[in-house]
N, C-alpha and C. Protein backbone atom coordinates (compact mmCIF):
# COMPACT_ATOMS: atom_id res chain seq x y z
N MET A 1 -28.93 21.48 -63.02
CA MET A 1 -27.84 22.67 -62.06
C MET A 1 -26.87 22.66 -63.26
N LEU A 2 -26.65 23.81 -63.83
CA LEU A 2 -25.55 24.69 -64.57
C LEU A 2 -24.53 24.04 -63.74
N ASN A 3 -23.33 23.24 -65.26
CA ASN A 3 -22.16 22.71 -64.30
C ASN A 3 -21.19 24.33 -64.95
N THR A 4 -20.59 24.91 -64.43
CA THR A 4 -19.96 26.23 -64.92
C THR A 4 -18.69 25.48 -65.51
N GLU A 5 -17.71 24.52 -65.52
CA GLU A 5 -16.76 24.01 -66.21
C GLU A 5 -17.18 22.96 -67.38
N GLU A 6 -18.20 22.96 -67.66
CA GLU A 6 -19.10 22.61 -68.88
C GLU A 6 -19.32 23.62 -69.78
N PHE A 7 -19.91 24.71 -69.39
CA PHE A 7 -20.79 25.66 -69.98
C PHE A 7 -18.99 26.77 -70.69
N GLY A 8 -17.84 26.96 -69.50
CA GLY A 8 -16.88 27.34 -70.26
C GLY A 8 -16.12 26.63 -70.97
N ARG A 9 -16.22 25.40 -71.12
CA ARG A 9 -15.24 24.47 -72.54
C ARG A 9 -16.07 24.98 -73.99
N ARG A 10 -17.93 24.86 -73.49
CA ARG A 10 -19.02 25.22 -74.87
C ARG A 10 -18.59 26.24 -75.01
N LEU A 11 -18.42 26.84 -74.80
CA LEU A 11 -17.88 28.69 -74.53
C LEU A 11 -16.76 28.94 -75.55
N SER A 12 -15.50 28.39 -74.71
CA SER A 12 -14.44 28.97 -75.40
C SER A 12 -14.95 27.81 -76.87
N SER A 13 -15.21 26.84 -77.02
CA SER A 13 -15.39 25.83 -78.24
C SER A 13 -16.31 26.65 -79.33
N LEU A 14 -17.47 27.16 -78.66
CA LEU A 14 -18.02 28.65 -79.90
C LEU A 14 -17.32 29.90 -80.15
N ARG A 15 -16.49 30.28 -78.95
CA ARG A 15 -15.49 31.31 -79.57
C ARG A 15 -14.71 30.74 -80.38
N ARG A 16 -13.99 30.03 -80.26
CA ARG A 16 -12.65 29.34 -81.08
C ARG A 16 -13.75 29.30 -82.52
N ARG A 17 -14.72 28.41 -82.35
CA ARG A 17 -14.96 28.28 -83.87
C ARG A 17 -15.45 29.42 -84.52
N SER A 18 -15.81 30.42 -83.77
CA SER A 18 -16.23 31.47 -84.69
C SER A 18 -14.96 32.54 -85.00
N GLY A 19 -13.72 32.31 -84.24
CA GLY A 19 -12.81 33.09 -85.13
C GLY A 19 -12.50 34.28 -84.53
N LYS A 20 -12.89 33.96 -83.33
CA LYS A 20 -12.70 35.18 -82.48
C LYS A 20 -11.62 35.45 -81.37
N LYS A 21 -11.51 36.52 -80.85
CA LYS A 21 -10.38 36.33 -79.53
C LYS A 21 -11.34 36.28 -78.50
N GLN A 22 -11.03 36.36 -77.45
CA GLN A 22 -11.87 37.06 -76.21
C GLN A 22 -11.85 38.18 -75.93
N ARG A 23 -10.81 38.81 -76.23
CA ARG A 23 -11.12 40.39 -76.32
C ARG A 23 -11.70 40.99 -77.19
N GLN A 24 -12.20 40.27 -78.29
CA GLN A 24 -12.77 40.81 -78.98
C GLN A 24 -14.36 40.61 -78.82
N ILE A 25 -14.50 39.76 -78.16
CA ILE A 25 -16.19 39.16 -77.34
C ILE A 25 -16.15 40.15 -76.35
N ALA A 26 -15.09 40.44 -75.36
CA ALA A 26 -15.84 41.90 -74.01
C ALA A 26 -15.13 42.65 -74.94
N GLU A 27 -14.92 43.06 -75.92
CA GLU A 27 -15.40 44.59 -76.27
C GLU A 27 -16.66 44.73 -76.72
N GLU A 28 -17.20 43.84 -77.69
CA GLU A 28 -18.53 43.59 -77.90
C GLU A 28 -19.63 43.54 -76.98
N LEU A 29 -18.98 42.86 -75.77
CA LEU A 29 -20.22 43.09 -74.64
C LEU A 29 -19.78 44.40 -73.51
N GLY A 30 -18.90 45.50 -73.80
CA GLY A 30 -18.31 46.12 -72.90
C GLY A 30 -17.84 45.33 -71.88
N LEU A 31 -17.22 43.98 -71.88
CA LEU A 31 -16.77 44.46 -70.74
C LEU A 31 -15.11 43.95 -70.93
N THR A 32 -14.31 43.41 -69.88
CA THR A 32 -13.12 43.24 -69.67
C THR A 32 -12.58 41.59 -70.42
N PRO A 33 -11.66 41.84 -70.49
CA PRO A 33 -10.95 40.04 -71.36
C PRO A 33 -11.34 39.48 -70.00
N GLN A 34 -10.42 39.69 -69.15
CA GLN A 34 -10.37 38.76 -67.65
C GLN A 34 -12.46 38.00 -67.22
N ALA A 35 -12.73 38.88 -67.99
CA ALA A 35 -14.74 38.54 -67.26
C ALA A 35 -14.92 37.81 -68.11
N VAL A 36 -14.62 37.66 -69.68
CA VAL A 36 -14.64 36.15 -70.54
C VAL A 36 -14.07 35.20 -70.21
N SER A 37 -12.45 35.23 -69.83
CA SER A 37 -11.84 34.50 -69.01
C SER A 37 -12.45 33.54 -68.43
N LYS A 38 -12.60 33.88 -67.35
CA LYS A 38 -13.57 33.57 -66.09
C LYS A 38 -14.29 32.92 -66.51
N TRP A 39 -15.55 33.45 -67.47
CA TRP A 39 -16.51 32.19 -68.30
C TRP A 39 -15.66 30.97 -68.63
N GLU A 40 -15.29 31.01 -69.66
CA GLU A 40 -14.55 30.29 -70.34
C GLU A 40 -13.51 28.83 -69.29
N ARG A 41 -13.34 29.72 -68.36
CA ARG A 41 -12.15 28.47 -66.78
C ARG A 41 -13.46 27.71 -65.73
N GLY A 42 -14.88 28.22 -66.11
CA GLY A 42 -15.74 27.95 -65.27
C GLY A 42 -15.61 28.60 -64.21
N LEU A 43 -15.25 30.01 -64.07
CA LEU A 43 -14.89 30.12 -62.02
C LEU A 43 -16.18 31.35 -62.13
N SER A 44 -16.86 31.32 -63.48
CA SER A 44 -18.12 32.38 -63.20
C SER A 44 -18.95 32.19 -64.46
N CYS A 45 -20.19 32.66 -64.36
CA CYS A 45 -20.72 32.75 -65.56
C CYS A 45 -21.56 33.83 -65.96
N PRO A 46 -22.11 34.79 -67.40
CA PRO A 46 -22.44 35.68 -67.76
C PRO A 46 -23.62 35.52 -67.52
N ASP A 47 -24.15 36.61 -67.12
CA ASP A 47 -25.61 37.51 -66.38
C ASP A 47 -26.25 37.35 -67.35
N ILE A 48 -27.70 36.48 -67.20
CA ILE A 48 -28.56 36.12 -67.96
C ILE A 48 -29.07 37.37 -68.91
N LEU A 49 -29.45 38.16 -68.60
CA LEU A 49 -29.32 39.47 -69.66
C LEU A 49 -28.83 39.59 -70.59
N MET A 50 -27.41 38.90 -70.80
CA MET A 50 -26.14 39.14 -71.35
C MET A 50 -26.26 37.95 -72.53
N LEU A 51 -26.81 37.18 -71.84
CA LEU A 51 -26.83 35.73 -72.85
C LEU A 51 -27.16 36.01 -74.46
N ASP A 52 -28.35 37.05 -74.57
CA ASP A 52 -28.52 37.06 -76.03
C ASP A 52 -27.36 37.61 -76.83
N GLU A 53 -26.93 38.71 -76.24
CA GLU A 53 -25.61 39.85 -76.87
C GLU A 53 -24.22 38.64 -77.42
N LEU A 54 -24.19 37.62 -76.49
CA LEU A 54 -22.93 36.78 -76.35
C LEU A 54 -23.65 35.80 -77.24
N ALA A 55 -24.86 35.22 -77.88
CA ALA A 55 -24.88 33.86 -78.70
C ALA A 55 -25.22 34.89 -79.89
N SER A 56 -25.17 36.52 -80.27
CA SER A 56 -25.27 36.89 -81.29
C SER A 56 -23.56 37.01 -81.72
N SER A 57 -22.67 37.63 -80.80
CA SER A 57 -21.14 37.59 -81.20
C SER A 57 -20.79 36.50 -81.49
N LEU A 58 -21.28 35.63 -81.33
CA LEU A 58 -20.83 34.04 -81.63
C LEU A 58 -21.30 33.42 -82.91
N GLY A 59 -22.75 34.37 -83.49
CA GLY A 59 -23.20 34.04 -84.53
C GLY A 59 -24.06 32.70 -84.01
N VAL A 60 -24.92 32.31 -83.22
CA VAL A 60 -24.94 31.33 -82.46
C VAL A 60 -26.48 31.33 -82.02
N PRO A 61 -28.05 30.47 -81.79
CA PRO A 61 -28.84 30.70 -80.89
C PRO A 61 -28.21 30.40 -79.48
N ILE A 62 -28.87 30.99 -78.66
CA ILE A 62 -28.78 30.92 -76.89
C ILE A 62 -28.69 29.15 -76.93
N ALA A 63 -29.59 28.67 -77.09
CA ALA A 63 -29.60 27.40 -76.80
C ALA A 63 -28.00 26.65 -77.06
N ALA A 64 -27.49 27.18 -78.00
CA ALA A 64 -26.42 26.55 -78.37
C ALA A 64 -25.02 26.09 -77.09
N LEU A 65 -25.47 27.57 -76.46
CA LEU A 65 -24.51 27.93 -75.15
C LEU A 65 -24.72 27.06 -74.22
N PHE A 66 -26.11 26.09 -74.60
CA PHE A 66 -26.32 25.34 -73.01
C PHE A 66 -26.14 23.81 -73.59
N GLU A 67 -25.81 23.81 -75.10
CA GLU A 67 -26.46 22.25 -75.63
C GLU A 67 -25.01 21.44 -75.52
N LYS A 68 -24.98 20.52 -75.10
CA LYS A 68 -23.52 19.67 -74.74
C LYS A 68 -22.80 19.15 -76.36
N ASN A 69 -24.00 18.89 -77.30
CA ASN A 69 -23.16 18.66 -78.27
C ASN A 69 -23.00 20.02 -79.52
N GLU A 70 -23.04 20.84 -78.88
CA GLU A 70 -22.27 22.50 -79.70
C GLU A 70 -20.87 22.24 -79.41
N ALA A 71 -20.72 21.95 -78.54
CA ALA A 71 -19.09 22.22 -78.38
C ALA A 71 -17.92 21.43 -78.57
N ARG A 72 -18.73 19.91 -79.61
CA ARG A 72 -17.95 18.97 -80.36
C ARG A 72 -17.27 19.37 -81.58
């Protein structure tokens, strides 16, 4: 089962590593910065259909969003 808090920490780490702001990711995905913030805080997760775009925006494969060692 997906731990949303772990996913959020991983996403935040990958986003910072990419040098992008939450606002930039949100604009690229057609969302609000608040949605990205909720993901990073573990309050919600992106729709499965959005994972490819999210990973592309961060410059990583989809698997990196779920691999524990990617956020370190």
